[in-house]
Protein backbone atom coordinates (compact mmCIF):
# COMPACT_ATOMS: atom_id res chain seq x y z
CA MET A 1 -1.60 -34.19 -23.78
CA ALA A 2 1.19 -32.01 -23.93
CA ALA A 3 4.72 -33.32 -23.23
CA ILE A 4 6.40 -31.95 -19.90
CA THR A 5 9.96 -30.32 -21.07
CA SER A 6 11.90 -27.87 -18.94
CA THR A 7 10.55 -24.83 -21.25
CA ASN A 8 7.15 -26.23 -19.02
CA VAL A 9 8.53 -26.70 -15.79
CA ALA A 10 10.51 -23.38 -16.03
CA SER A 11 7.10 -21.24 -17.40
CA ALA A 12 4.95 -23.15 -14.55
CA ILE A 13 7.24 -22.49 -11.23
CA VAL A 14 7.60 -17.99 -12.76
CA LYS A 15 3.38 -18.25 -13.11
CA LEU A 16 3.58 -20.13 -9.60
CA VAL A 17 5.44 -17.52 -8.09
CA ALA A 18 3.74 -14.95 -9.52
CA ALA A 19 0.23 -16.64 -8.53
CA ASP A 20 1.73 -15.73 -4.72
CA ALA A 21 3.14 -12.30 -5.54
CA LEU A 22 0.14 -10.12 -5.42
CA PRO A 23 -1.77 -11.18 -2.59
CA VAL A 24 1.18 -11.02 -0.18
CA LEU A 25 1.63 -7.37 -1.52
CA VAL A 26 -2.33 -5.89 -1.39
CA GLY A 27 -2.55 -7.73 2.17
CA ASN A 28 0.98 -5.44 3.09
CA LEU A 29 -1.08 -2.35 2.27
CA VAL A 30 -2.93 0.08 4.18
CA MET A 31 -3.14 3.07 2.24
CA GLY A 32 -2.82 1.79 -0.98
CA ASN A 33 -5.89 0.19 -0.68
CA LEU A 34 -7.40 3.10 0.04
CA VAL A 35 -5.96 5.89 -2.32
CA ASN A 36 -7.25 6.41 -6.33
CA ARG A 37 -5.27 3.44 -8.03
CA ASP A 38 -5.55 4.43 -11.73
CA TYR A 39 -4.00 0.83 -13.27
CA GLU A 40 -4.23 -0.32 -16.91
CA PRO A 41 -2.11 -3.32 -18.15
CA VAL A 42 -0.19 -1.21 -20.62
CA LEU A 43 3.72 -1.16 -20.94
CA ALA A 44 5.52 1.62 -19.81
CA ASN A 45 8.60 2.58 -18.72
CA ALA A 46 11.02 4.36 -15.86
CA GLY A 47 10.01 8.68 -16.37
CA ASP A 48 6.85 8.41 -17.94
CA THR A 49 3.70 10.54 -16.68
CA VAL A 50 0.55 10.12 -16.00
CA ASN A 51 -2.18 12.74 -16.19
CA ILE A 52 -4.87 12.67 -14.93
CA PRO A 53 -8.36 14.99 -15.43
CA ILE A 54 -9.25 17.20 -13.01
CA PRO A 55 -13.07 18.35 -13.10
CA PRO A 56 -13.36 22.20 -13.55
CA THR A 57 -15.26 24.33 -11.50
CA MET A 58 -18.46 26.20 -12.86
CA LEU A 59 -20.71 28.75 -11.25
CA ALA A 60 -24.53 28.99 -11.29
CA ASN A 61 -26.40 32.52 -13.39
CA ASN A 62 -29.48 33.24 -11.72
CA ILE A 63 -30.90 33.92 -15.71
CA LEU A 64 -33.68 36.37 -15.73
CA GLU A 65 -35.77 37.00 -17.57
CA GLY A 66 -35.46 38.47 -21.15
CA TYR A 67 -32.05 37.62 -20.47
CA SER A 68 -29.26 35.13 -21.88
CA VAL A 69 -26.98 32.49 -20.51
CA GLN A 70 -23.91 33.11 -18.85
CA THR A 71 -21.22 31.25 -21.10
CA GLN A 72 -18.34 30.03 -18.85
CA ASN A 73 -14.90 28.25 -20.14
CA PRO A 74 -13.70 26.19 -18.08
CA SER A 75 -10.24 24.46 -17.59
CA LEU A 76 -10.06 21.06 -16.73
CA GLY A 77 -7.37 20.51 -14.11
CA ASN A 78 -4.78 18.10 -14.93
CA ALA A 79 -2.44 16.44 -12.27
CA GLN A 80 0.66 14.45 -13.32
CA ILE A 81 1.98 11.41 -11.29
CA VAL A 82 5.43 10.20 -12.69
CA LEU A 83 6.13 6.89 -13.04
CA ASN A 84 9.67 7.86 -11.00
CA THR A 85 10.33 4.87 -8.14
CA HIS A 86 11.10 1.05 -9.72
CA VAL A 87 11.71 -0.99 -6.53
CA GLU A 88 12.94 -4.55 -6.74
CA ALA A 89 13.12 -7.37 -4.50
CA THR A 90 15.38 -10.21 -5.54
CA PHE A 91 15.95 -14.20 -4.01
CA GLN A 92 17.48 -17.43 -4.62
CA ILE A 93 16.20 -21.04 -4.76
CA PRO A 94 19.34 -23.70 -5.21
CA ASP A 95 17.16 -26.18 -5.87
CA VAL A 96 13.67 -24.39 -7.78
CA THR A 97 12.25 -28.34 -8.38
CA LYS A 98 11.19 -28.16 -4.74
CA VAL A 99 8.76 -25.17 -5.18
CA LEU A 100 6.43 -27.30 -7.30
CA ALA A 101 6.80 -30.11 -4.73
CA VAL A 102 6.12 -28.36 -1.80
CA PRO A 103 4.20 -24.49 -2.30
CA ASP A 104 4.74 -24.05 0.97
CA LEU A 105 8.64 -23.29 0.55
CA LEU A 106 7.54 -20.37 -1.89
CA LYS A 107 5.97 -18.91 0.78
CA ILE A 108 8.90 -18.51 3.08
CA TYR A 109 10.82 -16.81 0.22
CA MET A 110 8.52 -15.00 -1.22
CA GLN A 111 6.66 -12.86 1.51
CA PRO A 112 9.76 -11.03 3.13
CA SER A 113 10.42 -10.13 -1.06
CA VAL A 114 6.69 -8.93 -1.63
CA ALA A 115 6.46 -6.89 2.01
CA ALA A 116 9.67 -5.04 1.68
CA ILE A 117 7.80 -3.58 -1.57
CA ALA A 118 4.58 -3.14 -0.19
CA GLN A 119 6.53 -1.49 2.78
CA ARG A 120 8.32 1.31 0.29
CA ILE A 121 5.06 2.08 -1.24
CA GLU A 122 3.41 2.78 2.03
CA THR A 123 6.33 5.08 3.48
CA ASP A 124 5.96 7.08 -0.42
CA LEU A 125 2.13 7.75 0.42
CA LEU A 126 2.67 8.75 3.52
CA SER A 127 5.24 11.09 2.46
CA LEU A 128 2.73 13.01 0.57
CA TYR A 129 0.89 14.53 4.22
CA ALA A 130 3.16 18.11 2.93
CA GLY A 131 0.79 18.07 0.18
CA PHE A 132 -2.62 18.87 1.87
CA SER A 133 -2.35 22.27 2.95
CA THR A 134 -4.84 22.35 5.34
CA THR A 135 -3.65 21.22 9.36
CA VAL A 136 -5.17 20.06 12.71
CA GLY A 137 -4.00 19.17 15.65
CA THR A 138 -0.79 20.64 17.28
CA ALA A 139 2.77 18.45 17.14
CA ALA A 140 4.06 16.35 19.85
CA THR A 141 0.50 16.46 21.52
CA PRO A 142 -2.05 13.64 21.79
CA ILE A 143 -4.94 13.22 19.84
CA THR A 144 -8.52 14.74 21.14
CA GLU A 145 -12.18 14.08 19.87
CA GLY A 146 -11.47 18.02 19.05
CA VAL A 147 -9.06 17.16 16.64
CA ILE A 148 -10.73 14.55 14.74
CA ASP A 149 -14.20 16.51 14.88
CA ALA A 150 -11.84 19.30 12.68
CA ALA A 151 -10.66 16.99 10.59
CA GLU A 152 -14.07 16.05 9.21
CA THR A 153 -14.98 19.90 9.55
CA ALA A 154 -12.36 20.70 7.65
CA LEU A 155 -13.31 17.93 4.92
CA PHE A 156 -16.88 19.63 5.04
CA LEU A 157 -15.72 23.32 4.81
CA GLN A 158 -13.35 21.98 2.04
CA LYS A 159 -16.74 20.80 -0.03
CA VAL A 160 -15.69 17.32 0.06
CA PRO A 161 -19.08 14.97 -0.63
CA PRO A 162 -20.34 13.52 2.13
CA GLN A 163 -21.08 10.33 0.14
CA GLU A 164 -17.65 10.24 0.12
CA GLN A 165 -15.42 7.72 2.26
CA LYS A 166 -13.46 9.29 4.47
CA PHE A 167 -10.22 7.41 6.04
CA ILE A 168 -7.91 8.61 8.99
CA VAL A 169 -4.63 6.75 8.95
CA VAL A 170 -2.46 7.33 12.02
CA ASP A 171 0.97 5.83 13.94
CA ALA A 172 0.59 3.08 16.40
CA ALA A 173 0.59 5.59 19.15
CA THR A 174 -2.30 7.84 18.21
CA TYR A 175 -4.44 4.45 17.35
CA SER A 176 -3.70 3.45 21.06
CA THR A 177 -4.65 6.66 22.53
CA TRP A 178 -7.91 6.86 20.25
CA ARG A 179 -8.95 3.65 21.38
CA GLN A 180 -8.34 5.02 25.38
CA ILE A 181 -11.13 7.90 24.62
CA PRO A 182 -14.08 7.30 26.93
CA ARG A 183 -16.25 7.96 24.89
CA PHE A 184 -14.96 6.07 21.81
CA SER A 185 -14.19 2.88 23.93
CA GLU A 186 -16.85 2.66 26.48
CA PHE A 187 -19.92 0.46 25.90
CA GLN A 188 -21.69 3.11 28.01
CA ASN A 189 -20.62 5.62 25.36
CA SER A 190 -20.72 4.13 21.91
CA GLY A 191 -22.41 1.12 22.23
CA GLU A 192 -20.75 -2.32 20.17
CA ALA A 193 -18.49 0.90 18.62
CA GLY A 194 -16.82 0.83 22.09
CA LEU A 195 -16.55 -3.00 23.38
CA ARG A 196 -15.17 -3.66 19.98
CA ALA A 197 -12.73 -0.79 20.84
CA ILE A 198 -11.89 -2.71 24.65
CA ILE A 199 -12.09 -6.60 23.34
CA GLU A 200 -11.03 -6.83 19.52
CA GLY A 201 -8.70 -4.04 19.44
CA THR A 202 -10.05 -2.03 16.45
CA VAL A 203 -11.11 1.62 16.28
CA GLY A 204 -13.72 0.76 13.44
CA LYS A 205 -15.33 4.00 12.18
CA ILE A 206 -16.13 7.45 14.06
CA LYS A 207 -17.10 10.73 12.93
CA ASP A 208 -17.91 8.99 9.21
CA PHE A 209 -13.90 8.25 9.66
CA PHE A 210 -13.00 4.53 8.41
CA VAL A 211 -9.85 4.21 11.13
CA PHE A 212 -6.79 2.45 9.83
CA ARG A 213 -3.02 2.30 11.52
CA SER A 214 0.54 2.17 9.83
CA GLN A 215 4.12 1.46 11.11
CA PHE A 216 5.39 4.21 8.22
CA VAL A 217 3.53 7.35 9.08
CA GLN A 218 6.21 10.24 8.73
CA LYS A 219 7.47 12.22 11.68
CA THR A 220 9.61 14.80 11.85
CA GLY A 221 11.49 17.06 14.40
CA THR A 222 13.70 16.21 16.87
CA THR A 223 13.14 17.83 20.11
CA THR A 224 9.95 18.91 18.86
CA VAL A 225 8.77 15.06 17.21
CA THR A 226 5.86 15.63 15.16
CA THR A 227 3.95 12.74 13.65
CA HIS A 228 1.59 13.61 10.41
CA ASN A 229 -1.06 11.43 10.38
CA MET A 230 -3.34 11.75 7.41
CA ALA A 231 -7.03 12.56 6.79
CA PHE A 232 -8.13 11.84 3.17
CA THR A 233 -10.64 10.44 1.07
CA LYS A 234 -10.37 8.64 -2.15
CA ASP A 235 -9.45 10.81 -4.44
CA ALA A 236 -6.72 12.84 -2.45
CA LEU A 237 -4.09 10.85 -3.40
CA GLY A 238 -3.62 8.81 -6.33
CA LEU A 239 -0.84 6.05 -7.38
CA VAL A 240 -0.15 4.24 -10.66
CA ILE A 241 1.16 0.58 -11.86
CA ARG A 242 2.60 -0.21 -14.94
CA ARG A 243 3.53 -3.17 -16.28
CA LEU A 244 7.40 -3.58 -17.00
CA PRO A 245 8.38 -5.12 -20.73
CA GLN A 246 9.28 -9.15 -20.90
CA PRO A 247 13.15 -9.47 -20.69
CA LEU A 248 14.54 -9.66 -24.28
CA PRO A 249 14.00 -13.62 -25.43
CA GLY A 250 17.23 -15.60 -25.93
CA THR A 251 18.78 -14.09 -22.69
CA GLY A 252 18.08 -16.74 -20.38
CA ALA A 253 14.90 -14.66 -18.05
CA ILE A 254 11.23 -16.25 -18.00
CA ALA A 255 8.22 -13.43 -16.61
CA GLU A 256 5.55 -13.42 -16.00
CA TYR A 257 2.96 -10.84 -15.01
CA ALA A 258 0.60 -10.52 -11.42
CA GLU A 259 -2.11 -9.00 -11.41
CA LEU A 260 -5.12 -8.27 -8.90
CA GLY A 261 -7.24 -5.58 -9.30
CA ASN A 262 -5.70 -2.21 -9.94
CA PHE A 263 -1.89 -3.91 -8.56
CA GLY A 264 0.57 -5.51 -10.96
CA MET A 265 3.95 -6.08 -10.99
CA ARG A 266 6.76 -8.69 -12.56
CA VAL A 267 8.34 -11.66 -11.52
CA VAL A 268 11.45 -12.19 -13.20
CA MET A 269 13.53 -16.03 -12.63
CA SER A 270 16.74 -16.10 -14.37
CA TYR A 271 20.01 -18.69 -13.89
CA GLN A 272 22.96 -17.82 -12.09
CA PRO A 273 25.70 -19.80 -12.72
CA ASN A 274 28.42 -18.67 -10.01
CA THR A 275 26.04 -19.61 -7.48
CA LEU A 276 24.21 -22.51 -9.48
CA ALA A 277 21.04 -21.21 -8.23
CA GLN A 278 17.84 -19.95 -9.97
CA GLN A 279 17.39 -16.01 -8.82
CA PHE A 280 13.82 -14.41 -8.79
CA THR A 281 13.46 -10.84 -8.94
CA VAL A 282 9.97 -9.17 -8.49
CA ASP A 283 9.84 -5.63 -9.16
CA VAL A 284 6.97 -3.14 -9.73
CA LEU A 285 7.00 0.31 -11.55
CA TYR A 286 4.98 3.28 -9.56
CA GLY A 287 4.66 6.73 -8.82
CA CYS A 288 2.16 8.87 -6.49
CA GLY A 289 1.24 11.82 -5.95
CA VAL A 290 -1.54 14.42 -4.87
CA LEU A 291 -4.22 14.91 -7.07
CA ARG A 292 -6.84 16.92 -4.90
CA ASN A 293 -5.64 19.03 -2.33
CA THR A 294 -8.84 20.13 -0.89
CA SER A 295 -9.58 16.77 -0.11
CA GLY A 296 -7.42 15.88 2.60
CA VAL A 297 -5.83 17.21 6.04
CA GLN A 298 -2.85 16.64 7.75
CA VAL A 299 -3.53 15.62 11.72
CA ASN A 300 -0.02 16.13 13.41
CA THR A 301 0.26 14.61 17.17
């Protein structure tokens, strides 16, 4: 049996913090759970570029008897996502050993810090609306069934494969209006889905869209405010998260990685002599961008 040392305890504390950090992050994400995430457990530095290949466009040639095939030279597309955002949330715990005895204390410290990181990622992803050239809806006008139908039609005309899941993320006011459209919110019109909209308050799936709401949908304008809701498929947007390196040995800092699915973050614990407390820093390096313009639509309200 290994002896209990200060090093063991310090490592255990960081692992405990790391284990509780990531589920909170994922639980606070809406967009981050819907977009394409290309995450690999490799180290990276701020400013690095991740290249994501885009399938080329091919043409079908009608070959007649006696003729030869038509050779094509397709050009593989490339979407670049720059790891240009390094966000952190730091807090201090005066008596860190209490965390091991009372794990609930950890959540009190951890949840606000990780939620702040999730909100930053969510805001950056929803700020990509301008990368979609197709727009439906009218500024400062409540959403209607016709606008929702136009968004789905636009994706169809842009040759989005019908088997791909489609999502639409709207702000609170648009979601509330959506729930009050009679054809979507009454049992006699939409059956069980309408009943859920009334009792549970959830829209669910309508016109092939899974509907979500977020507090961070972007708004522009002063006199006439435009709400930039987004309809898209998974491959329309990309989120890339990379591991940050371990601190230098002997610097008094201990780090652990928290990884879940395609999400990863670093948790660093260090001692602060000025406050006689243990300092925890939760940080993540990421980048996001538009991968396929034709797989997304701005839905303005």
